[in-house]
Amino acid sequence: MLAVKTGERKLTPEKEVLDLKLSDYLVEVDASDNLSYQDALIIAMKRERAAFKLYSDMAEKVTDANLKQVSVGLAKEEAKHKLFFKTEYEDRVLMHN
């Protein structure tokens, strides 16, 4: 950064900057101190869904094979997490209402 400030180096990106649009993957959170178990599960499912979408979209955009493989693997892990919370929601919330 100092080299840029002193003029020794110019900021000229050599490659196009990839906008991952991270804000598109954020979820609304209404977390409070009095959060019910049902609400906590809903928030968890939404977060896992957003993370899955992020990694899936990243896998589609990257060209490096290793990075693509890592992104696909992370997406699969997030899908497993979401399934866990969905199952928990069905077993603990839906079955008791």
PDB file of N, CA and C in Angstrom:
ATOM      1  N   MET A   1       0.818  -1.175   0.000  1.00  0.00           N
ATOM      2  CA  MET A   1       0.000   0.000   0.000  1.00  0.00           C
ATOM      3  C   MET A   1       0.868   1.247   0.000  1.00  0.00           C
ATOM      4  N   LEU A   2       1.976   1.194   0.690  1.00  0.00           N
ATOM      5  CA  LEU A   2       2.879   2.342   0.730  1.00  0.00           C
ATOM      6  C   LEU A   2       3.433   2.633  -0.665  1.00  0.00           C
ATOM      7  N   ALA A   3       3.725   1.579  -1.432  1.00  0.00           N
ATOM      8  CA  ALA A   3       4.240   1.761  -2.792  1.00  0.00           C
ATOM      9  C   ALA A   3       3.220   2.484  -3.664  1.00  0.00           C
ATOM     10  N   VAL A   4       1.956   2.238  -3.444  1.00  0.00           N
ATOM     11  CA  VAL A   4       0.915   2.922  -4.196  1.00  0.00           C
ATOM     12  C   VAL A   4       0.863   4.386  -3.782  1.00  0.00           C
ATOM     13  N   LYS A   5       0.948   4.637  -2.485  1.00  0.00           N
ATOM     14  CA  LYS A   5       0.905   6.015  -1.990  1.00  0.00           C
ATOM     15  C   LYS A   5       2.081   6.838  -2.496  1.00  0.00           C
ATOM     16  N   THR A   6       3.253   6.238  -2.583  1.00  0.00           N
ATOM     17  CA  THR A   6       4.440   6.975  -3.018  1.00  0.00           C
ATOM     18  C   THR A   6       4.569   7.043  -4.533  1.00  0.00           C
ATOM     19  N   GLY A   7       3.699   6.330  -5.237  1.00  0.00           N
ATOM     20  CA  GLY A   7       3.731   6.372  -6.698  1.00  0.00           C
ATOM     21  C   GLY A   7       4.641   5.334  -7.329  1.00  0.00           C
ATOM     22  N   GLU A   8       5.253   4.480  -6.524  1.00  0.00           N
ATOM     23  CA  GLU A   8       6.122   3.446  -7.054  1.00  0.00           C
ATOM     24  C   GLU A   8       5.328   2.364  -7.787  1.00  0.00           C
ATOM     25  N   ARG A   9       4.101   2.211  -7.406  1.00  0.00           N
ATOM     26  CA  ARG A   9       3.252   1.192  -8.030  1.00  0.00           C
ATOM     27  C   ARG A   9       1.887   1.791  -8.299  1.00  0.00           C
ATOM     28  N   LYS A  10       1.333   1.455  -9.451  1.00  0.00           N
ATOM     29  CA  LYS A  10       0.012   1.949  -9.810  1.00  0.00           C
ATOM     30  C   LYS A  10      -1.015   0.845  -9.618  1.00  0.00           C
ATOM     31  N   LEU A  11      -2.194   1.237  -9.277  1.00  0.00           N
ATOM     32  CA  LEU A  11      -3.285   0.287  -9.135  1.00  0.00           C
ATOM     33  C   LEU A  11      -3.922   0.062 -10.503  1.00  0.00           C
ATOM     34  N   THR A  12      -3.495  -0.969 -11.156  1.00  0.00           N
ATOM     35  CA  THR A  12      -4.070  -1.330 -12.454  1.00  0.00           C
ATOM     36  C   THR A  12      -4.335  -2.821 -12.443  1.00  0.00           C
ATOM     37  N   PRO A  13      -5.584  -3.187 -12.234  1.00  0.00           N
ATOM     38  CA  PRO A  13      -5.879  -4.627 -12.199  1.00  0.00           C
ATOM     39  C   PRO A  13      -5.572  -5.284 -13.527  1.00  0.00           C
ATOM     40  N   GLU A  14      -4.859  -6.402 -13.459  1.00  0.00           N
ATOM     41  CA  GLU A  14      -4.495  -7.126 -14.668  1.00  0.00           C
ATOM     42  C   GLU A  14      -5.635  -7.995 -15.159  1.00  0.00           C
ATOM     43  N   LYS A  15      -6.486  -8.401 -14.257  1.00  0.00           N
ATOM     44  CA  LYS A  15      -7.613  -9.239 -14.613  1.00  0.00           C
ATOM     45  C   LYS A  15      -8.906  -8.533 -14.230  1.00  0.00           C
ATOM     46  N   GLU A  16      -9.970  -8.954 -14.847  1.00  0.00           N
ATOM     47  CA  GLU A  16     -11.271  -8.423 -14.490  1.00  0.00           C
ATOM     48  C   GLU A  16     -11.610  -8.849 -13.063  1.00  0.00           C
ATOM     49  N   VAL A  17     -12.153  -7.946 -12.298  1.00  0.00           N
ATOM     50  CA  VAL A  17     -12.502  -8.240 -10.915  1.00  0.00           C
ATOM     51  C   VAL A  17     -13.824  -8.997 -10.902  1.00  0.00           C
ATOM     52  N   LEU A  18     -13.827 -10.125 -10.236  1.00  0.00           N
ATOM     53  CA  LEU A  18     -15.016 -10.954 -10.138  1.00  0.00           C
ATOM     54  C   LEU A  18     -15.838 -10.503  -8.938  1.00  0.00           C
ATOM     55  N   ASP A  19     -17.051 -10.045  -9.209  1.00  0.00           N
ATOM     56  CA  ASP A  19     -17.951  -9.623  -8.145  1.00  0.00           C
ATOM     57  C   ASP A  19     -18.760 -10.826  -7.688  1.00  0.00           C
ATOM     58  N   LEU A  20     -18.485 -11.317  -6.497  1.00  0.00           N
ATOM     59  CA  LEU A  20     -19.204 -12.475  -5.979  1.00  0.00           C
ATOM     60  C   LEU A  20     -20.572 -12.111  -5.422  1.00  0.00           C
ATOM     61  N   LYS A  21     -20.862 -10.818  -5.313  1.00  0.00           N
ATOM     62  CA  LYS A  21     -22.160 -10.332  -4.833  1.00  0.00           C
ATOM     63  C   LYS A  21     -22.531 -10.979  -3.503  1.00  0.00           C
ATOM     64  N   LEU A  22     -21.602 -10.921  -2.568  1.00  0.00           N
ATOM     65  CA  LEU A  22     -21.803 -11.568  -1.277  1.00  0.00           C
ATOM     66  C   LEU A  22     -23.069 -11.095  -0.570  1.00  0.00           C
ATOM     67  N   SER A  23     -23.430  -9.839  -0.756  1.00  0.00           N
ATOM     68  CA  SER A  23     -24.631  -9.349  -0.080  1.00  0.00           C
ATOM     69  C   SER A  23     -25.887 -10.059  -0.568  1.00  0.00           C
ATOM     70  N   ASP A  24     -25.836 -10.659  -1.760  1.00  0.00           N
ATOM     71  CA  ASP A  24     -26.983 -11.420  -2.260  1.00  0.00           C
ATOM     72  C   ASP A  24     -27.218 -12.698  -1.458  1.00  0.00           C
ATOM     73  N   TYR A  25     -26.229 -13.111  -0.691  1.00  0.00           N
ATOM     74  CA  TYR A  25     -26.310 -14.375   0.031  1.00  0.00           C
ATOM     75  C   TYR A  25     -26.538 -14.188   1.535  1.00  0.00           C
ATOM     76  N   LEU A  26     -26.711 -12.962   1.952  1.00  0.00           N
ATOM     77  CA  LEU A  26     -26.952 -12.704   3.367  1.00  0.00           C
ATOM     78  C   LEU A  26     -28.427 -12.894   3.677  1.00  0.00           C
ATOM     79  N   VAL A  27     -28.718 -13.334   4.869  1.00  0.00           N
ATOM     80  CA  VAL A  27     -30.103 -13.565   5.268  1.00  0.00           C
ATOM     81  C   VAL A  27     -30.499 -12.571   6.352  1.00  0.00           C
ATOM     82  N   GLU A  28     -31.785 -12.282   6.386  1.00  0.00           N
ATOM     83  CA  GLU A  28     -32.318 -11.422   7.430  1.00  0.00           C
ATOM     84  C   GLU A  28     -32.270 -12.192   8.749  1.00  0.00           C
ATOM     85  N   VAL A  29     -31.827 -11.537   9.782  1.00  0.00           N
ATOM     86  CA  VAL A  29     -31.738 -12.188  11.084  1.00  0.00           C
ATOM     87  C   VAL A  29     -32.480 -11.335  12.100  1.00  0.00           C
ATOM     88  N   ASP A  30     -33.446 -11.949  12.735  1.00  0.00           N
ATOM     89  CA  ASP A  30     -34.165 -11.302  13.819  1.00  0.00           C
ATOM     90  C   ASP A  30     -33.835 -12.019  15.118  1.00  0.00           C
ATOM     91  N   ALA A  31     -32.559 -12.176  15.359  1.00  0.00           N
ATOM     92  CA  ALA A  31     -32.116 -12.890  16.560  1.00  0.00           C
ATOM     93  C   ALA A  31     -32.235 -11.965  17.769  1.00  0.00           C
ATOM     94  N   SER A  32     -32.683 -12.537  18.855  1.00  0.00           N
ATOM     95  CA  SER A  32     -32.787 -11.787  20.099  1.00  0.00           C
ATOM     96  C   SER A  32     -32.416 -12.714  21.251  1.00  0.00           C
ATOM     97  N   ASP A  33     -32.416 -12.151  22.430  1.00  0.00           N
ATOM     98  CA  ASP A  33     -32.111 -12.958  23.619  1.00  0.00           C
ATOM     99  C   ASP A  33     -33.207 -13.980  23.900  1.00  0.00           C
ATOM    100  N   ASN A  34     -34.400 -13.726  23.406  1.00  0.00           N
ATOM    101  CA  ASN A  34     -35.544 -14.603  23.676  1.00  0.00           C
ATOM    102  C   ASN A  34     -35.900 -15.442  22.457  1.00  0.00           C
ATOM    103  N   LEU A  35     -34.930 -15.841  21.707  1.00  0.00           N
ATOM    104  CA  LEU A  35     -35.146 -16.600  20.476  1.00  0.00           C
ATOM    105  C   LEU A  35     -35.684 -17.991  20.804  1.00  0.00           C
ATOM    106  N   SER A  36     -36.772 -18.361  20.137  1.00  0.00           N
ATOM    107  CA  SER A  36     -37.317 -19.697  20.350  1.00  0.00           C
ATOM    108  C   SER A  36     -36.493 -20.708  19.559  1.00  0.00           C
ATOM    109  N   TYR A  37     -36.637 -21.968  19.931  1.00  0.00           N
ATOM    110  CA  TYR A  37     -35.930 -23.026  19.223  1.00  0.00           C
ATOM    111  C   TYR A  37     -36.377 -23.074  17.765  1.00  0.00           C
ATOM    112  N   GLN A  38     -37.665 -22.885  17.543  1.00  0.00           N
ATOM    113  CA  GLN A  38     -38.204 -22.873  16.181  1.00  0.00           C
ATOM    114  C   GLN A  38     -37.560 -21.760  15.358  1.00  0.00           C
ATOM    115  N   ASP A  39     -37.492 -20.561  15.914  1.00  0.00           N
ATOM    116  CA  ASP A  39     -36.882 -19.439  15.196  1.00  0.00           C
ATOM    117  C   ASP A  39     -35.396 -19.671  14.945  1.00  0.00           C
ATOM    118  N   ALA A  40     -34.712 -20.263  15.914  1.00  0.00           N
ATOM    119  CA  ALA A  40     -33.288 -20.557  15.743  1.00  0.00           C
ATOM    120  C   ALA A  40     -33.083 -21.542  14.594  1.00  0.00           C
ATOM    121  N   LEU A  41     -33.943 -22.541  14.499  1.00  0.00           N
ATOM    122  CA  LEU A  41     -33.838 -23.507  13.398  1.00  0.00           C
ATOM    123  C   LEU A  41     -34.122 -22.845  12.057  1.00  0.00           C
ATOM    124  N   ILE A  42     -35.089 -21.952  12.020  1.00  0.00           N
ATOM    125  CA  ILE A  42     -35.414 -21.245  10.776  1.00  0.00           C
ATOM    126  C   ILE A  42     -34.233 -20.393  10.331  1.00  0.00           C
ATOM    127  N   ILE A  43     -33.634 -19.676  11.258  1.00  0.00           N
ATOM    128  CA  ILE A  43     -32.456 -18.858  10.928  1.00  0.00           C
ATOM    129  C   ILE A  43     -31.322 -19.749  10.437  1.00  0.00           C
ATOM    130  N   ALA A  44     -31.107 -20.867  11.112  1.00  0.00           N
ATOM    131  CA  ALA A  44     -30.036 -21.785  10.710  1.00  0.00           C
ATOM    132  C   ALA A  44     -30.274 -22.319   9.304  1.00  0.00           C
ATOM    133  N   MET A  45     -31.511 -22.704   8.986  1.00  0.00           N
ATOM    134  CA  MET A  45     -31.811 -23.210   7.643  1.00  0.00           C
ATOM    135  C   MET A  45     -31.580 -22.146   6.579  1.00  0.00           C
ATOM    136  N   LYS A  46     -31.977 -20.911   6.872  1.00  0.00           N
ATOM    137  CA  LYS A  46     -31.784 -19.816   5.914  1.00  0.00           C
ATOM    138  C   LYS A  46     -30.298 -19.543   5.687  1.00  0.00           C
ATOM    139  N   ARG A  47     -29.528 -19.590   6.756  1.00  0.00           N
ATOM    140  CA  ARG A  47     -28.085 -19.352   6.624  1.00  0.00           C
ATOM    141  C   ARG A  47     -27.412 -20.461   5.829  1.00  0.00           C
ATOM    142  N   GLU A  48     -27.804 -21.682   6.084  1.00  0.00           N
ATOM    143  CA  GLU A  48     -27.221 -22.808   5.340  1.00  0.00           C
ATOM    144  C   GLU A  48     -27.616 -22.739   3.866  1.00  0.00           C
ATOM    145  N   ARG A  49     -28.847 -22.358   3.591  1.00  0.00           N
ATOM    146  CA  ARG A  49     -29.297 -22.205   2.201  1.00  0.00           C
ATOM    147  C   ARG A  49     -28.484 -21.119   1.497  1.00  0.00           C
ATOM    148  N   ALA A  50     -28.264 -19.995   2.181  1.00  0.00           N
ATOM    149  CA  ALA A  50     -27.487 -18.901   1.599  1.00  0.00           C
ATOM    150  C   ALA A  50     -26.040 -19.335   1.345  1.00  0.00           C
ATOM    151  N   ALA A  51     -25.454 -20.073   2.282  1.00  0.00           N
ATOM    152  CA  ALA A  51     -24.076 -20.550   2.115  1.00  0.00           C
ATOM    153  C   ALA A  51     -23.995 -21.544   0.958  1.00  0.00           C
ATOM    154  N   PHE A  52     -24.993 -22.429   0.851  1.00  0.00           N
ATOM    155  CA  PHE A  52     -25.033 -23.381  -0.260  1.00  0.00           C
ATOM    156  C   PHE A  52     -25.080 -22.640  -1.599  1.00  0.00           C
ATOM    157  N   LYS A  53     -25.922 -21.631  -1.682  1.00  0.00           N
ATOM    158  CA  LYS A  53     -26.049 -20.865  -2.926  1.00  0.00           C
ATOM    159  C   LYS A  53     -24.749 -20.138  -3.253  1.00  0.00           C
ATOM    160  N   LEU A  54     -24.111 -19.575  -2.251  1.00  0.00           N
ATOM    161  CA  LEU A  54     -22.836 -18.884  -2.452  1.00  0.00           C
ATOM    162  C   LEU A  54     -21.806 -19.823  -3.055  1.00  0.00           C
ATOM    163  N   TYR A  55     -21.609 -20.993  -2.433  1.00  0.00           N
ATOM    164  CA  TYR A  55     -20.590 -21.928  -2.904  1.00  0.00           C
ATOM    165  C   TYR A  55     -20.968 -22.529  -4.266  1.00  0.00           C
ATOM    166  N   SER A  56     -22.244 -22.766  -4.491  1.00  0.00           N
ATOM    167  CA  SER A  56     -22.688 -23.293  -5.790  1.00  0.00           C
ATOM    168  C   SER A  56     -22.423 -22.283  -6.895  1.00  0.00           C
ATOM    169  N   ASP A  57     -22.782 -21.035  -6.638  1.00  0.00           N
ATOM    170  CA  ASP A  57     -22.554 -19.988  -7.633  1.00  0.00           C
ATOM    171  C   ASP A  57     -21.065 -19.759  -7.860  1.00  0.00           C
ATOM    172  N   MET A  58     -20.283 -19.843  -6.790  1.00  0.00           N
ATOM    173  CA  MET A  58     -18.839 -19.681  -6.917  1.00  0.00           C
ATOM    174  C   MET A  58     -18.263 -20.798  -7.786  1.00  0.00           C
ATOM    175  N   ALA A  59     -18.746 -22.015  -7.586  1.00  0.00           N
ATOM    176  CA  ALA A  59     -18.259 -23.151  -8.376  1.00  0.00           C
ATOM    177  C   ALA A  59     -18.553 -22.950  -9.862  1.00  0.00           C
ATOM    178  N   GLU A  60     -19.663 -22.314 -10.174  1.00  0.00           N
ATOM    179  CA  GLU A  60     -20.009 -22.057 -11.572  1.00  0.00           C
ATOM    180  C   GLU A  60     -19.125 -20.984 -12.204  1.00  0.00           C
ATOM    181  N   LYS A  61     -18.642 -20.051 -11.397  1.00  0.00           N
ATOM    182  CA  LYS A  61     -17.914 -18.899 -11.930  1.00  0.00           C
ATOM    183  C   LYS A  61     -16.404 -19.089 -12.031  1.00  0.00           C
ATOM    184  N   VAL A  62     -15.831 -19.898 -11.146  1.00  0.00           N
ATOM    185  CA  VAL A  62     -14.375 -20.031 -11.133  1.00  0.00           C
ATOM    186  C   VAL A  62     -13.904 -20.939 -12.263  1.00  0.00           C
ATOM    187  N   THR A  63     -12.708 -20.665 -12.735  1.00  0.00           N
ATOM    188  CA  THR A  63     -12.161 -21.469 -13.826  1.00  0.00           C
ATOM    189  C   THR A  63     -11.115 -22.468 -13.342  1.00  0.00           C
ATOM    190  N   ASP A  64     -10.523 -22.217 -12.184  1.00  0.00           N
ATOM    191  CA  ASP A  64      -9.525 -23.120 -11.639  1.00  0.00           C
ATOM    192  C   ASP A  64     -10.208 -24.411 -11.177  1.00  0.00           C
ATOM    193  N   ALA A  65      -9.756 -25.545 -11.668  1.00  0.00           N
ATOM    194  CA  ALA A  65     -10.390 -26.838 -11.368  1.00  0.00           C
ATOM    195  C   ALA A  65     -10.353 -27.176  -9.881  1.00  0.00           C
ATOM    196  N   ASN A  66      -9.245 -26.886  -9.231  1.00  0.00           N
ATOM    197  CA  ASN A  66      -9.139 -27.177  -7.793  1.00  0.00           C
ATOM    198  C   ASN A  66     -10.100 -26.316  -6.978  1.00  0.00           C
ATOM    199  N   LEU A  67     -10.174 -25.041  -7.316  1.00  0.00           N
ATOM    200  CA  LEU A  67     -11.080 -24.142  -6.617  1.00  0.00           C
ATOM    201  C   LEU A  67     -12.534 -24.528  -6.876  1.00  0.00           C
ATOM    202  N   LYS A  68     -12.818 -24.958  -8.087  1.00  0.00           N
ATOM    203  CA  LYS A  68     -14.169 -25.424  -8.418  1.00  0.00           C
ATOM    204  C   LYS A  68     -14.522 -26.633  -7.563  1.00  0.00           C
ATOM    205  N   GLN A  69     -13.589 -27.580  -7.442  1.00  0.00           N
ATOM    206  CA  GLN A  69     -13.822 -28.788  -6.656  1.00  0.00           C
ATOM    207  C   GLN A  69     -14.049 -28.450  -5.180  1.00  0.00           C
ATOM    208  N   VAL A  70     -13.266 -27.529  -4.652  1.00  0.00           N
ATOM    209  CA  VAL A  70     -13.432 -27.107  -3.262  1.00  0.00           C
ATOM    210  C   VAL A  70     -14.795 -26.448  -3.071  1.00  0.00           C
ATOM    211  N   SER A  71     -15.186 -25.596  -4.002  1.00  0.00           N
ATOM    212  CA  SER A  71     -16.473 -24.906  -3.904  1.00  0.00           C
ATOM    213  C   SER A  71     -17.636 -25.886  -3.951  1.00  0.00           C
ATOM    214  N   VAL A  72     -17.558 -26.874  -4.827  1.00  0.00           N
ATOM    215  CA  VAL A  72     -18.606 -27.892  -4.911  1.00  0.00           C
ATOM    216  C   VAL A  72     -18.664 -28.686  -3.605  1.00  0.00           C
ATOM    217  N   GLY A  73     -17.504 -29.030  -3.073  1.00  0.00           N
ATOM    218  CA  GLY A  73     -17.452 -29.757  -1.804  1.00  0.00           C
ATOM    219  C   GLY A  73     -18.054 -28.956  -0.660  1.00  0.00           C
ATOM    220  N   LEU A  74     -17.757 -27.667  -0.623  1.00  0.00           N
ATOM    221  CA  LEU A  74     -18.330 -26.816   0.421  1.00  0.00           C
ATOM    222  C   LEU A  74     -19.843 -26.693   0.266  1.00  0.00           C
ATOM    223  N   ALA A  75     -20.311 -26.592  -0.966  1.00  0.00           N
ATOM    224  CA  ALA A  75     -21.754 -26.524  -1.212  1.00  0.00           C
ATOM    225  C   ALA A  75     -22.443 -27.791  -0.707  1.00  0.00           C
ATOM    226  N   LYS A  76     -21.831 -28.927  -0.959  1.00  0.00           N
ATOM    227  CA  LYS A  76     -22.403 -30.193  -0.483  1.00  0.00           C
ATOM    228  C   LYS A  76     -22.467 -30.238   1.041  1.00  0.00           C
ATOM    229  N   GLU A  77     -21.428 -29.732   1.699  1.00  0.00           N
ATOM    230  CA  GLU A  77     -21.428 -29.699   3.166  1.00  0.00           C
ATOM    231  C   GLU A  77     -22.557 -28.814   3.679  1.00  0.00           C
ATOM    232  N   GLU A  78     -22.747 -27.670   3.053  1.00  0.00           N
ATOM    233  CA  GLU A  78     -23.820 -26.770   3.481  1.00  0.00           C
ATOM    234  C   GLU A  78     -25.180 -27.407   3.260  1.00  0.00           C
ATOM    235  N   ALA A  79     -25.332 -28.171   2.191  1.00  0.00           N
ATOM    236  CA  ALA A  79     -26.590 -28.876   1.933  1.00  0.00           C
ATOM    237  C   ALA A  79     -26.855 -29.896   3.036  1.00  0.00           C
ATOM    238  N   LYS A  80     -25.813 -30.566   3.501  1.00  0.00           N
ATOM    239  CA  LYS A  80     -25.965 -31.526   4.599  1.00  0.00           C
ATOM    240  C   LYS A  80     -26.406 -30.819   5.876  1.00  0.00           C
ATOM    241  N   HIS A  81     -25.795 -29.670   6.142  1.00  0.00           N
ATOM    242  CA  HIS A  81     -26.151 -28.908   7.342  1.00  0.00           C
ATOM    243  C   HIS A  81     -27.621 -28.481   7.275  1.00  0.00           C
ATOM    244  N   LYS A  82     -28.036 -27.991   6.105  1.00  0.00           N
ATOM    245  CA  LYS A  82     -29.422 -27.556   5.951  1.00  0.00           C
ATOM    246  C   LYS A  82     -30.374 -28.732   6.158  1.00  0.00           C
ATOM    247  N   LEU A  83     -30.029 -29.880   5.622  1.00  0.00           N
ATOM    248  CA  LEU A  83     -30.855 -31.068   5.795  1.00  0.00           C
ATOM    249  C   LEU A  83     -30.965 -31.446   7.270  1.00  0.00           C
ATOM    250  N   PHE A  84     -29.865 -31.330   8.005  1.00  0.00           N
ATOM    251  CA  PHE A  84     -29.890 -31.618   9.436  1.00  0.00           C
ATOM    252  C   PHE A  84     -30.902 -30.710  10.140  1.00  0.00           C
ATOM    253  N   PHE A  85     -30.815 -29.390   9.871  1.00  0.00           N
ATOM    254  CA  PHE A  85     -31.722 -28.448  10.525  1.00  0.00           C
ATOM    255  C   PHE A  85     -33.165 -28.649  10.070  1.00  0.00           C
ATOM    256  N   LYS A  86     -33.366 -28.996   8.818  1.00  0.00           N
ATOM    257  CA  LYS A  86     -34.709 -29.259   8.297  1.00  0.00           C
ATOM    258  C   LYS A  86     -35.310 -30.476   8.992  1.00  0.00           C
ATOM    259  N   THR A  87     -34.525 -31.513   9.130  1.00  0.00           N
ATOM    260  CA  THR A  87     -34.989 -32.719   9.814  1.00  0.00           C
ATOM    261  C   THR A  87     -35.302 -32.417  11.273  1.00  0.00           C
ATOM    262  N   GLU A  88     -34.437 -31.681  11.905  1.00  0.00           N
ATOM    263  CA  GLU A  88     -34.657 -31.282  13.297  1.00  0.00           C
ATOM    264  C   GLU A  88     -35.947 -30.470  13.421  1.00  0.00           C
ATOM    265  N   TYR A  89     -36.160 -29.562  12.489  1.00  0.00           N
ATOM    266  CA  TYR A  89     -37.373 -28.734  12.486  1.00  0.00           C
ATOM    267  C   TYR A  89     -38.616 -29.612  12.332  1.00  0.00           C
ATOM    268  N   GLU A  90     -38.565 -30.539  11.397  1.00  0.00           N
ATOM    269  CA  GLU A  90     -39.714 -31.420  11.173  1.00  0.00           C
ATOM    270  C   GLU A  90     -39.986 -32.304  12.384  1.00  0.00           C
ATOM    271  N   ASP A  91     -38.924 -32.839  12.977  1.00  0.00           N
ATOM    272  CA  ASP A  91     -39.070 -33.747  14.118  1.00  0.00           C
ATOM    273  C   ASP A  91     -39.476 -33.028  15.408  1.00  0.00           C
ATOM    274  N   ARG A  92     -38.932 -31.866  15.647  1.00  0.00           N
ATOM    275  CA  ARG A  92     -39.131 -31.201  16.945  1.00  0.00           C
ATOM    276  C   ARG A  92     -40.222 -30.139  16.927  1.00  0.00           C
ATOM    277  N   VAL A  93     -40.459 -29.522  15.762  1.00  0.00           N
ATOM    278  CA  VAL A  93     -41.421 -28.420  15.698  1.00  0.00           C
ATOM    279  C   VAL A  93     -42.719 -28.860  15.054  1.00  0.00           C
ATOM    280  N   LEU A  94     -42.628 -29.367  13.836  1.00  0.00           N
ATOM    281  CA  LEU A  94     -43.850 -29.728  13.112  1.00  0.00           C
ATOM    282  C   LEU A  94     -44.601 -30.877  13.772  1.00  0.00           C
ATOM    283  N   MET A  95     -43.892 -31.825  14.305  1.00  0.00           N
ATOM    284  CA  MET A  95     -44.526 -32.998  14.909  1.00  0.00           C
ATOM    285  C   MET A  95     -45.241 -32.640  16.225  1.00  0.00           C
ATOM    286  N   HIS A  96     -44.861 -31.537  16.850  1.00  0.00           N
ATOM    287  CA  HIS A  96     -45.447 -31.157  18.137  1.00  0.00           C
ATOM    288  C   HIS A  96     -46.469 -30.038  17.998  1.00  0.00           C
ATOM    289  N   ASN A  97     -46.772 -29.629  16.791  1.00  0.00           N
ATOM    290  CA  ASN A  97     -47.772 -28.570  16.578  1.00  0.00           C
ATOM    291  C   ASN A  97     -48.966 -29.088  15.835  1.00  0.00           C
TER     292      ASN A  97
END
